[in-house]
Amino acid sequence: MSSQPDWATYIAQMEQILALELDDARRAELLTQFNRIAAMAEPLMALPLDDRLEVAGVFHP
């Protein structure tokens, strides 16, 4: 089961943490964009991965 994050709460928290003052129009646009990004990521996040796969690459200079 996939649960959708509460993007409005996230935006409000980030406003406080980053000391931003956004107007309602900007908040609404951010909410739209976060929902779009989440919708695009959903199929990728649902892709089953083998437990033996590395979760992240390791950079070796």
PDB file of N, CA and C in Angstrom:
ATOM      1  N   MET A   1       0.834  -1.176   0.000  1.00  0.00           N
ATOM      2  CA  MET A   1       0.000   0.000   0.000  1.00  0.00           C
ATOM      3  C   MET A   1       0.883   1.245   0.000  1.00  0.00           C
ATOM      4  N   SER A   2       0.564   2.191  -0.845  1.00  0.00           N
ATOM      5  CA  SER A   2       1.324   3.430  -0.964  1.00  0.00           C
ATOM      6  C   SER A   2       0.548   4.560  -0.301  1.00  0.00           C
ATOM      7  N   SER A   3       1.196   5.273   0.590  1.00  0.00           N
ATOM      8  CA  SER A   3       0.519   6.407   1.219  1.00  0.00           C
ATOM      9  C   SER A   3       1.108   7.696   0.664  1.00  0.00           C
ATOM     10  N   GLN A   4       0.243   8.607   0.312  1.00  0.00           N
ATOM     11  CA  GLN A   4       0.647   9.886  -0.269  1.00  0.00           C
ATOM     12  C   GLN A   4       1.066  10.824   0.860  1.00  0.00           C
ATOM     13  N   PRO A   5       2.248  11.452   0.755  1.00  0.00           N
ATOM     14  CA  PRO A   5       2.662  12.412   1.783  1.00  0.00           C
ATOM     15  C   PRO A   5       1.707  13.608   1.843  1.00  0.00           C
ATOM     16  N   ASP A   6       1.671  14.239   2.979  1.00  0.00           N
ATOM     17  CA  ASP A   6       0.878  15.454   3.153  1.00  0.00           C
ATOM     18  C   ASP A   6       1.742  16.629   2.704  1.00  0.00           C
ATOM     19  N   TRP A   7       1.674  16.939   1.412  1.00  0.00           N
ATOM     20  CA  TRP A   7       2.553  17.960   0.842  1.00  0.00           C
ATOM     21  C   TRP A   7       2.270  19.345   1.411  1.00  0.00           C
ATOM     22  N   ALA A   8       1.043  19.651   1.735  1.00  0.00           N
ATOM     23  CA  ALA A   8       0.726  20.972   2.286  1.00  0.00           C
ATOM     24  C   ALA A   8       1.439  21.176   3.627  1.00  0.00           C
ATOM     25  N   THR A   9       1.448  20.142   4.460  1.00  0.00           N
ATOM     26  CA  THR A   9       2.155  20.223   5.740  1.00  0.00           C
ATOM     27  C   THR A   9       3.657  20.339   5.509  1.00  0.00           C
ATOM     28  N   TYR A  10       4.172  19.571   4.549  1.00  0.00           N
ATOM     29  CA  TYR A  10       5.594  19.630   4.219  1.00  0.00           C
ATOM     30  C   TYR A  10       5.982  21.050   3.792  1.00  0.00           C
ATOM     31  N   ILE A  11       5.184  21.649   2.921  1.00  0.00           N
ATOM     32  CA  ILE A  11       5.472  23.011   2.448  1.00  0.00           C
ATOM     33  C   ILE A  11       5.460  23.991   3.621  1.00  0.00           C
ATOM     34  N   ALA A  12       4.484  23.867   4.497  1.00  0.00           N
ATOM     35  CA  ALA A  12       4.407  24.752   5.668  1.00  0.00           C
ATOM     36  C   ALA A  12       5.631  24.583   6.567  1.00  0.00           C
ATOM     37  N   GLN A  13       6.054  23.349   6.769  1.00  0.00           N
ATOM     38  CA  GLN A  13       7.231  23.100   7.604  1.00  0.00           C
ATOM     39  C   GLN A  13       8.495  23.658   6.961  1.00  0.00           C
ATOM     40  N   MET A  14       8.635  23.488   5.643  1.00  0.00           N
ATOM     41  CA  MET A  14       9.809  24.019   4.955  1.00  0.00           C
ATOM     42  C   MET A  14       9.824  25.543   4.956  1.00  0.00           C
ATOM     43  N   GLU A  15       8.648  26.148   4.894  1.00  0.00           N
ATOM     44  CA  GLU A  15       8.569  27.616   5.007  1.00  0.00           C
ATOM     45  C   GLU A  15       9.165  28.070   6.336  1.00  0.00           C
ATOM     46  N   GLN A  16       8.805  27.366   7.406  1.00  0.00           N
ATOM     47  CA  GLN A  16       9.312  27.732   8.730  1.00  0.00           C
ATOM     48  C   GLN A  16      10.804  27.473   8.842  1.00  0.00           C
ATOM     49  N   ILE A  17      11.242  26.295   8.422  1.00  0.00           N
ATOM     50  CA  ILE A  17      12.652  25.925   8.543  1.00  0.00           C
ATOM     51  C   ILE A  17      13.537  26.871   7.729  1.00  0.00           C
ATOM     52  N   LEU A  18      13.087  27.214   6.515  1.00  0.00           N
ATOM     53  CA  LEU A  18      13.887  28.054   5.625  1.00  0.00           C
ATOM     54  C   LEU A  18      13.599  29.550   5.788  1.00  0.00           C
ATOM     55  N   ALA A  19      12.723  29.874   6.735  1.00  0.00           N
ATOM     56  CA  ALA A  19      12.342  31.268   6.997  1.00  0.00           C
ATOM     57  C   ALA A  19      11.860  31.954   5.726  1.00  0.00           C
ATOM     58  N   LEU A  20      10.936  31.288   5.021  1.00  0.00           N
ATOM     59  CA  LEU A  20      10.337  31.837   3.809  1.00  0.00           C
ATOM     60  C   LEU A  20       8.936  32.336   4.109  1.00  0.00           C
ATOM     61  N   GLU A  21       8.509  33.310   3.351  1.00  0.00           N
ATOM     62  CA  GLU A  21       7.125  33.765   3.438  1.00  0.00           C
ATOM     63  C   GLU A  21       6.520  33.645   2.048  1.00  0.00           C
ATOM     64  N   LEU A  22       5.756  32.582   1.832  1.00  0.00           N
ATOM     65  CA  LEU A  22       5.127  32.351   0.540  1.00  0.00           C
ATOM     66  C   LEU A  22       3.676  32.810   0.590  1.00  0.00           C
ATOM     67  N   ASP A  23       3.204  33.351  -0.529  1.00  0.00           N
ATOM     68  CA  ASP A  23       1.789  33.697  -0.583  1.00  0.00           C
ATOM     69  C   ASP A  23       0.987  32.449  -0.982  1.00  0.00           C
ATOM     70  N   ASP A  24      -0.317  32.548  -0.902  1.00  0.00           N
ATOM     71  CA  ASP A  24      -1.177  31.399  -1.175  1.00  0.00           C
ATOM     72  C   ASP A  24      -1.010  30.865  -2.602  1.00  0.00           C
ATOM     73  N   ALA A  25      -0.785  31.772  -3.559  1.00  0.00           N
ATOM     74  CA  ALA A  25      -0.616  31.343  -4.952  1.00  0.00           C
ATOM     75  C   ALA A  25       0.650  30.497  -5.110  1.00  0.00           C
ATOM     76  N   ARG A  26       1.733  30.901  -4.463  1.00  0.00           N
ATOM     77  CA  ARG A  26       2.974  30.118  -4.551  1.00  0.00           C
ATOM     78  C   ARG A  26       2.840  28.787  -3.829  1.00  0.00           C
ATOM     79  N   ARG A  27       2.182  28.790  -2.687  1.00  0.00           N
ATOM     80  CA  ARG A  27       1.947  27.520  -1.981  1.00  0.00           C
ATOM     81  C   ARG A  27       1.146  26.561  -2.853  1.00  0.00           C
ATOM     82  N   ALA A  28       0.110  27.079  -3.510  1.00  0.00           N
ATOM     83  CA  ALA A  28      -0.730  26.246  -4.368  1.00  0.00           C
ATOM     84  C   ALA A  28       0.078  25.687  -5.541  1.00  0.00           C
ATOM     85  N   GLU A  29       0.944  26.499  -6.129  1.00  0.00           N
ATOM     86  CA  GLU A  29       1.772  26.039  -7.246  1.00  0.00           C
ATOM     87  C   GLU A  29       2.770  24.984  -6.786  1.00  0.00           C
ATOM     88  N   LEU A  30       3.373  25.194  -5.620  1.00  0.00           N
ATOM     89  CA  LEU A  30       4.283  24.174  -5.081  1.00  0.00           C
ATOM     90  C   LEU A  30       3.548  22.866  -4.824  1.00  0.00           C
ATOM     91  N   LEU A  31       2.357  22.955  -4.286  1.00  0.00           N
ATOM     92  CA  LEU A  31       1.551  21.765  -4.033  1.00  0.00           C
ATOM     93  C   LEU A  31       1.258  21.026  -5.337  1.00  0.00           C
ATOM     94  N   THR A  32       0.925  21.763  -6.386  1.00  0.00           N
ATOM     95  CA  THR A  32       0.687  21.161  -7.701  1.00  0.00           C
ATOM     96  C   THR A  32       1.942  20.458  -8.195  1.00  0.00           C
ATOM     97  N   GLN A  33       3.078  21.123  -8.078  1.00  0.00           N
ATOM     98  CA  GLN A  33       4.330  20.537  -8.573  1.00  0.00           C
ATOM     99  C   GLN A  33       4.731  19.295  -7.781  1.00  0.00           C
ATOM    100  N   PHE A  34       4.609  19.343  -6.458  1.00  0.00           N
ATOM    101  CA  PHE A  34       4.942  18.162  -5.649  1.00  0.00           C
ATOM    102  C   PHE A  34       4.043  16.981  -6.005  1.00  0.00           C
ATOM    103  N   ASN A  35       2.761  17.237  -6.223  1.00  0.00           N
ATOM    104  CA  ASN A  35       1.853  16.161  -6.619  1.00  0.00           C
ATOM    105  C   ASN A  35       2.217  15.596  -7.987  1.00  0.00           C
ATOM    106  N   ARG A  36       2.622  16.451  -8.921  1.00  0.00           N
ATOM    107  CA  ARG A  36       3.067  15.977 -10.242  1.00  0.00           C
ATOM    108  C   ARG A  36       4.315  15.115 -10.133  1.00  0.00           C
ATOM    109  N   ILE A  37       5.290  15.585  -9.362  1.00  0.00           N
ATOM    110  CA  ILE A  37       6.531  14.829  -9.188  1.00  0.00           C
ATOM    111  C   ILE A  37       6.243  13.478  -8.544  1.00  0.00           C
ATOM    112  N   ALA A  38       5.384  13.465  -7.529  1.00  0.00           N
ATOM    113  CA  ALA A  38       5.027  12.204  -6.862  1.00  0.00           C
ATOM    114  C   ALA A  38       4.347  11.249  -7.832  1.00  0.00           C
ATOM    115  N   ALA A  39       3.481  11.776  -8.691  1.00  0.00           N
ATOM    116  CA  ALA A  39       2.793  10.927  -9.669  1.00  0.00           C
ATOM    117  C   ALA A  39       3.774  10.341 -10.675  1.00  0.00           C
ATOM    118  N   MET A  40       4.772  11.128 -11.080  1.00  0.00           N
ATOM    119  CA  MET A  40       5.782  10.616 -12.012  1.00  0.00           C
ATOM    120  C   MET A  40       6.667   9.561 -11.352  1.00  0.00           C
ATOM    121  N   ALA A  41       6.950   9.728 -10.073  1.00  0.00           N
ATOM    122  CA  ALA A  41       7.835   8.809  -9.368  1.00  0.00           C
ATOM    123  C   ALA A  41       7.140   7.518  -8.950  1.00  0.00           C
ATOM    124  N   GLU A  42       5.817   7.539  -8.859  1.00  0.00           N
ATOM    125  CA  GLU A  42       5.071   6.391  -8.347  1.00  0.00           C
ATOM    126  C   GLU A  42       5.378   5.075  -9.074  1.00  0.00           C
ATOM    127  N   PRO A  43       5.372   5.037 -10.420  1.00  0.00           N
ATOM    128  CA  PRO A  43       5.675   3.761 -11.085  1.00  0.00           C
ATOM    129  C   PRO A  43       7.094   3.266 -10.787  1.00  0.00           C
ATOM    130  N   LEU A  44       8.030   4.191 -10.710  1.00  0.00           N
ATOM    131  CA  LEU A  44       9.402   3.801 -10.401  1.00  0.00           C
ATOM    132  C   LEU A  44       9.515   3.260  -8.982  1.00  0.00           C
ATOM    133  N   MET A  45       8.862   3.918  -8.044  1.00  0.00           N
ATOM    134  CA  MET A  45       8.916   3.474  -6.653  1.00  0.00           C
ATOM    135  C   MET A  45       8.221   2.127  -6.467  1.00  0.00           C
ATOM    136  N   ALA A  46       7.275   1.797  -7.335  1.00  0.00           N
ATOM    137  CA  ALA A  46       6.550   0.529  -7.233  1.00  0.00           C
ATOM    138  C   ALA A  46       7.323  -0.635  -7.852  1.00  0.00           C
ATOM    139  N   LEU A  47       8.397  -0.332  -8.585  1.00  0.00           N
ATOM    140  CA  LEU A  47       9.178  -1.373  -9.230  1.00  0.00           C
ATOM    141  C   LEU A  47       9.847  -2.258  -8.185  1.00  0.00           C
ATOM    142  N   PRO A  48       9.564  -3.561  -8.214  1.00  0.00           N
ATOM    143  CA  PRO A  48      10.194  -4.439  -7.216  1.00  0.00           C
ATOM    144  C   PRO A  48      11.681  -4.627  -7.528  1.00  0.00           C
ATOM    145  N   LEU A  49      12.483  -4.559  -6.506  1.00  0.00           N
ATOM    146  CA  LEU A  49      13.923  -4.752  -6.651  1.00  0.00           C
ATOM    147  C   LEU A  49      14.365  -6.003  -5.912  1.00  0.00           C
ATOM    148  N   ASP A  50      15.353  -6.652  -6.455  1.00  0.00           N
ATOM    149  CA  ASP A  50      15.936  -7.829  -5.810  1.00  0.00           C
ATOM    150  C   ASP A  50      16.633  -7.379  -4.527  1.00  0.00           C
ATOM    151  N   ASP A  51      16.449  -8.111  -3.444  1.00  0.00           N
ATOM    152  CA  ASP A  51      17.061  -7.753  -2.160  1.00  0.00           C
ATOM    153  C   ASP A  51      18.583  -7.749  -2.213  1.00  0.00           C
ATOM    154  N   ARG A  52      19.145  -8.432  -3.203  1.00  0.00           N
ATOM    155  CA  ARG A  52      20.606  -8.517  -3.283  1.00  0.00           C
ATOM    156  C   ARG A  52      21.229  -7.357  -4.042  1.00  0.00           C
ATOM    157  N   LEU A  53      20.438  -6.466  -4.604  1.00  0.00           N
ATOM    158  CA  LEU A  53      20.971  -5.325  -5.342  1.00  0.00           C
ATOM    159  C   LEU A  53      21.541  -4.286  -4.387  1.00  0.00           C
ATOM    160  N   GLU A  54      22.607  -3.633  -4.835  1.00  0.00           N
ATOM    161  CA  GLU A  54      23.165  -2.523  -4.069  1.00  0.00           C
ATOM    162  C   GLU A  54      22.140  -1.392  -4.065  1.00  0.00           C
ATOM    163  N   VAL A  55      21.941  -0.749  -2.937  1.00  0.00           N
ATOM    164  CA  VAL A  55      20.953   0.338  -2.874  1.00  0.00           C
ATOM    165  C   VAL A  55      21.498   1.644  -3.406  1.00  0.00           C
ATOM    166  N   ALA A  56      22.805   1.777  -3.423  1.00  0.00           N
ATOM    167  CA  ALA A  56      23.405   3.013  -3.945  1.00  0.00           C
ATOM    168  C   ALA A  56      24.808   2.700  -4.440  1.00  0.00           C
ATOM    169  N   GLY A  57      25.207   3.427  -5.441  1.00  0.00           N
ATOM    170  CA  GLY A  57      26.558   3.259  -5.932  1.00  0.00           C
ATOM    171  C   GLY A  57      27.564   3.839  -4.961  1.00  0.00           C
ATOM    172  N   VAL A  58      28.788   3.398  -5.074  1.00  0.00           N
ATOM    173  CA  VAL A  58      29.858   3.899  -4.220  1.00  0.00           C
ATOM    174  C   VAL A  58      30.866   4.611  -5.111  1.00  0.00           C
ATOM    175  N   PHE A  59      31.167   5.862  -4.779  1.00  0.00           N
ATOM    176  CA  PHE A  59      32.110   6.640  -5.564  1.00  0.00           C
ATOM    177  C   PHE A  59      33.519   6.338  -5.092  1.00  0.00           C
ATOM    178  N   HIS A  60      34.370   5.973  -6.035  1.00  0.00           N
ATOM    179  CA  HIS A  60      35.793   5.739  -5.741  1.00  0.00           C
ATOM    180  C   HIS A  60      36.605   6.709  -6.579  1.00  0.00           C
ATOM    181  N   PRO A  61      37.271   7.694  -5.960  1.00  0.00           N
ATOM    182  CA  PRO A  61      38.041   8.671  -6.754  1.00  0.00           C
ATOM    183  C   PRO A  61      39.245   8.038  -7.427  1.00  0.00           C
TER     184      PRO A  61
END
